C-alpha atoms as a PDB file:
ATOM      1  CA  MET A   1      10.482 -52.087 189.546  1.00  0.00           C
ATOM      2  CA  LEU A   2      11.594 -52.974 185.476  1.00  0.00           C
ATOM      3  CA  LYS A   3      12.803 -56.534 186.887  1.00  0.00           C
ATOM      4  CA  ARG A   4       9.097 -57.048 188.437  1.00  0.00           C
ATOM      5  CA  ARG A   5       7.626 -55.471 185.236  1.00  0.00           C
ATOM      6  CA  VAL A   6       9.270 -57.904 183.013  1.00  0.00           C
ATOM      7  CA  ILE A   7       8.549 -61.340 185.278  1.00  0.00           C
ATOM      8  CA  VAL A   8       4.992 -59.828 184.954  1.00  0.00           C
ATOM      9  CA  ALA A   9       5.069 -59.302 181.594  1.00  0.00           C
ATOM     10  CA  ALA A  10       6.952 -62.881 180.872  1.00  0.00           C
ATOM     11  CA  ALA A  11       4.748 -64.664 182.740  1.00  0.00           C
ATOM     12  CA  ILE A  12       1.270 -63.229 181.316  1.00  0.00           C
ATOM     13  CA  GLY A  13       3.078 -63.855 177.960  1.00  0.00           C
ATOM     14  CA  CYS A  14       3.577 -67.284 178.855  1.00  0.00           C
ATOM     15  CA  VAL A  15      -0.535 -67.825 179.492  1.00  0.00           C
ATOM     16  CA  LEU A  16      -1.755 -65.501 177.247  1.00  0.00           C
ATOM     17  CA  GLY A  17       1.144 -67.371 174.087  1.00  0.00           C
ATOM     18  CA  ALA A  18       0.363 -70.747 174.983  1.00  0.00           C
ATOM     19  CA  GLY A  19      -3.343 -69.744 175.773  1.00  0.00           C
ATOM     20  CA  THR A  20      -3.175 -69.233 172.101  1.00  0.00           C
ATOM     21  CA  LEU A  21      -1.352 -71.745 170.673  1.00  0.00           C
ATOM     22  CA  ALA A  22      -3.257 -74.180 172.515  1.00  0.00           C
ATOM     23  CA  SER A  23      -6.650 -73.245 171.747  1.00  0.00           C
ATOM     24  CA  SER A  24      -6.017 -72.962 167.881  1.00  0.00           C
ATOM     25  CA  GLN A  25      -4.624 -76.698 168.052  1.00  0.00           C
ATOM     26  CA  ASP A  26      -6.837 -78.134 170.514  1.00  0.00           C
ATOM     27  CA  SER A  27      -9.868 -79.857 168.787  1.00  0.00           C
ATOM     28  CA  LYS A  28     -12.904 -80.023 171.363  1.00  0.00           C
ATOM     29  CA  PRO A  29     -12.304 -82.802 173.393  1.00  0.00           C
ATOM     30  CA  PRO A  30     -14.372 -85.974 173.422  1.00  0.00           C
ATOM     31  CA  THR A  31     -16.125 -84.514 177.180  1.00  0.00           C
ATOM     32  CA  ALA A  32     -16.859 -81.468 176.019  1.00  0.00           C
ATOM     33  CA  THR A  33     -20.800 -80.773 176.786  1.00  0.00           C
ATOM     34  CA  ARG A  34     -21.092 -77.251 176.306  1.00  0.00           C
ATOM     35  CA  PRO A  35     -19.921 -75.055 173.799  1.00  0.00           C
ATOM     36  CA  GLY A  36     -16.603 -73.074 174.522  1.00  0.00           C
ATOM     37  CA  LEU A  37     -15.896 -75.753 177.338  1.00  0.00           C
ATOM     38  CA  HIS A  38     -12.804 -76.439 174.875  1.00  0.00           C
ATOM     39  CA  LYS A  39     -11.427 -73.060 175.572  1.00  0.00           C
ATOM     40  CA  LEU A  40     -11.465 -73.967 179.047  1.00  0.00           C
ATOM     41  CA  TYR A  41      -9.527 -76.968 178.356  1.00  0.00           C
ATOM     42  CA  ALA A  42      -7.335 -74.748 176.712  1.00  0.00           C
ATOM     43  CA  ALA A  43      -6.716 -72.407 179.386  1.00  0.00           C
ATOM     44  CA  SER A  44      -5.939 -75.159 181.647  1.00  0.00           C
ATOM     45  CA  LYS A  45      -3.591 -76.393 179.723  1.00  0.00           C
ATOM     46  CA  ALA A  46      -1.634 -73.142 179.639  1.00  0.00           C
ATOM     47  CA  LEU A  47      -2.180 -72.199 183.223  1.00  0.00           C
ATOM     48  CA  GLU A  48      -0.143 -75.822 183.736  1.00  0.00           C
ATOM     49  CA  ASP A  49       2.644 -74.536 181.242  1.00  0.00           C
ATOM     50  CA  ALA A  50       2.720 -71.558 183.284  1.00  0.00           C
ATOM     51  CA  HIS A  51       3.124 -73.339 186.169  1.00  0.00           C
ATOM     52  CA  ARG A  52       5.961 -75.762 185.233  1.00  0.00           C
ATOM     53  CA  HIS A  53       8.150 -72.639 183.726  1.00  0.00           C
ATOM     54  CA  LEU A  54       7.197 -70.722 187.451  1.00  0.00           C
ATOM     55  CA  GLU A  55       8.726 -73.825 189.124  1.00  0.00           C
ATOM     56  CA  ARG A  56      11.504 -74.420 187.016  1.00  0.00           C
ATOM     57  CA  ALA A  57      12.901 -70.661 186.839  1.00  0.00           C
ATOM     58  CA  GLU A  58      16.528 -69.920 188.080  1.00  0.00           C
ATOM     59  CA  HIS A  59      15.970 -67.135 190.490  1.00  0.00           C
ATOM     60  CA  ASP A  60      13.281 -65.745 192.902  1.00  0.00           C
ATOM     61  CA  PHE A  61      13.390 -62.224 191.348  1.00  0.00           C
ATOM     62  CA  GLY A  62      12.649 -60.882 194.667  1.00  0.00           C
ATOM     63  CA  GLY A  63       9.521 -62.988 195.578  1.00  0.00           C
ATOM     64  CA  HIS A  64       7.176 -62.111 192.386  1.00  0.00           C
ATOM     65  CA  ARG A  65       8.058 -65.727 190.867  1.00  0.00           C
ATOM     66  CA  ALA A  66       6.165 -67.216 193.831  1.00  0.00           C
ATOM     67  CA  LYS A  67       3.611 -64.534 194.206  1.00  0.00           C
ATOM     68  CA  ALA A  68       3.408 -65.487 190.125  1.00  0.00           C
ATOM     69  CA  LEU A  69       3.313 -69.086 190.674  1.00  0.00           C
ATOM     70  CA  GLU A  70       0.537 -68.611 193.851  1.00  0.00           C
ATOM     71  CA  LEU A  71      -1.757 -66.716 191.697  1.00  0.00           C
ATOM     72  CA  VAL A  72      -1.212 -69.206 188.750  1.00  0.00           C
ATOM     73  CA  LYS A  73      -2.538 -71.900 191.347  1.00  0.00           C
ATOM     74  CA  GLN A  74      -5.291 -69.912 191.977  1.00  0.00           C
ATOM     75  CA  ALA A  75      -6.197 -69.410 188.204  1.00  0.00           C
ATOM     76  CA  GLU A  76      -5.836 -73.203 188.050  1.00  0.00           C
ATOM     77  CA  ALA A  77      -8.503 -73.908 190.737  1.00  0.00           C
ATOM     78  CA  GLU A  78     -10.962 -71.295 189.521  1.00  0.00           C
ATOM     79  CA  VAL A  79     -10.475 -72.884 185.969  1.00  0.00           C
ATOM     80  CA  LYS A  80     -11.298 -76.634 187.400  1.00  0.00           C
ATOM     81  CA  GLU A  81     -14.334 -75.022 189.095  1.00  0.00           C
ATOM     82  CA  ALA A  82     -15.576 -73.824 185.874  1.00  0.00           C
ATOM     83  CA  VAL A  83     -15.188 -76.884 184.444  1.00  0.00           C
ATOM     84  CA  ALA A  84     -17.255 -78.641 187.044  1.00  0.00           C
ATOM     85  CA  PHE A  85     -19.876 -75.621 187.202  1.00  0.00           C
ATOM     86  CA  ALA A  86     -20.171 -76.188 182.997  1.00  0.00           C
ATOM     87  CA  LYS A  87     -20.237 -79.846 183.248  1.00  0.00           C
ATOM     88  CA  ALA A  88     -23.092 -79.848 186.185  1.00  0.00           C
ATOM     89  CA  THR A  89     -24.894 -76.988 184.998  1.00  0.00           C
ATOM     90  CA  PRO A  90     -27.490 -77.526 181.770  1.00  0.00           C
ATOM     91  CA  PRO A  91     -27.321 -75.100 178.973  1.00  0.00           C
ATOM     92  CA  ALA A  92     -29.057 -72.458 178.594  1.00  0.00           C
ATOM     93  CA  ALA A  93     -32.165 -72.387 176.312  1.00  0.00           C
ATOM     94  CA  LYS A  94     -31.963 -69.661 173.618  1.00  0.00           C
ATOM     95  CA  GLN A  95     -34.888 -67.591 173.134  1.00  0.00           C
END
């Protein structure tokens, strides 16, 4: 149980830590068409890093590494859909 918590905490730390680092260093991409879209790009980069780390992990950790990898893949797909939505949908008018 302790190993599971350590693995989950490490995976979340990688994603959040890399996301914070990426969002603080990345400038707004030239393709950003909506406010905040650069945050989605930073999240995508953090998820790519987490994906790579999980794939290269030396142990399976009782199947938890595979489960974390699957969840990261799902998150990557959601972020891609969010970017596609943001690019296809015009920003709402402010009142």
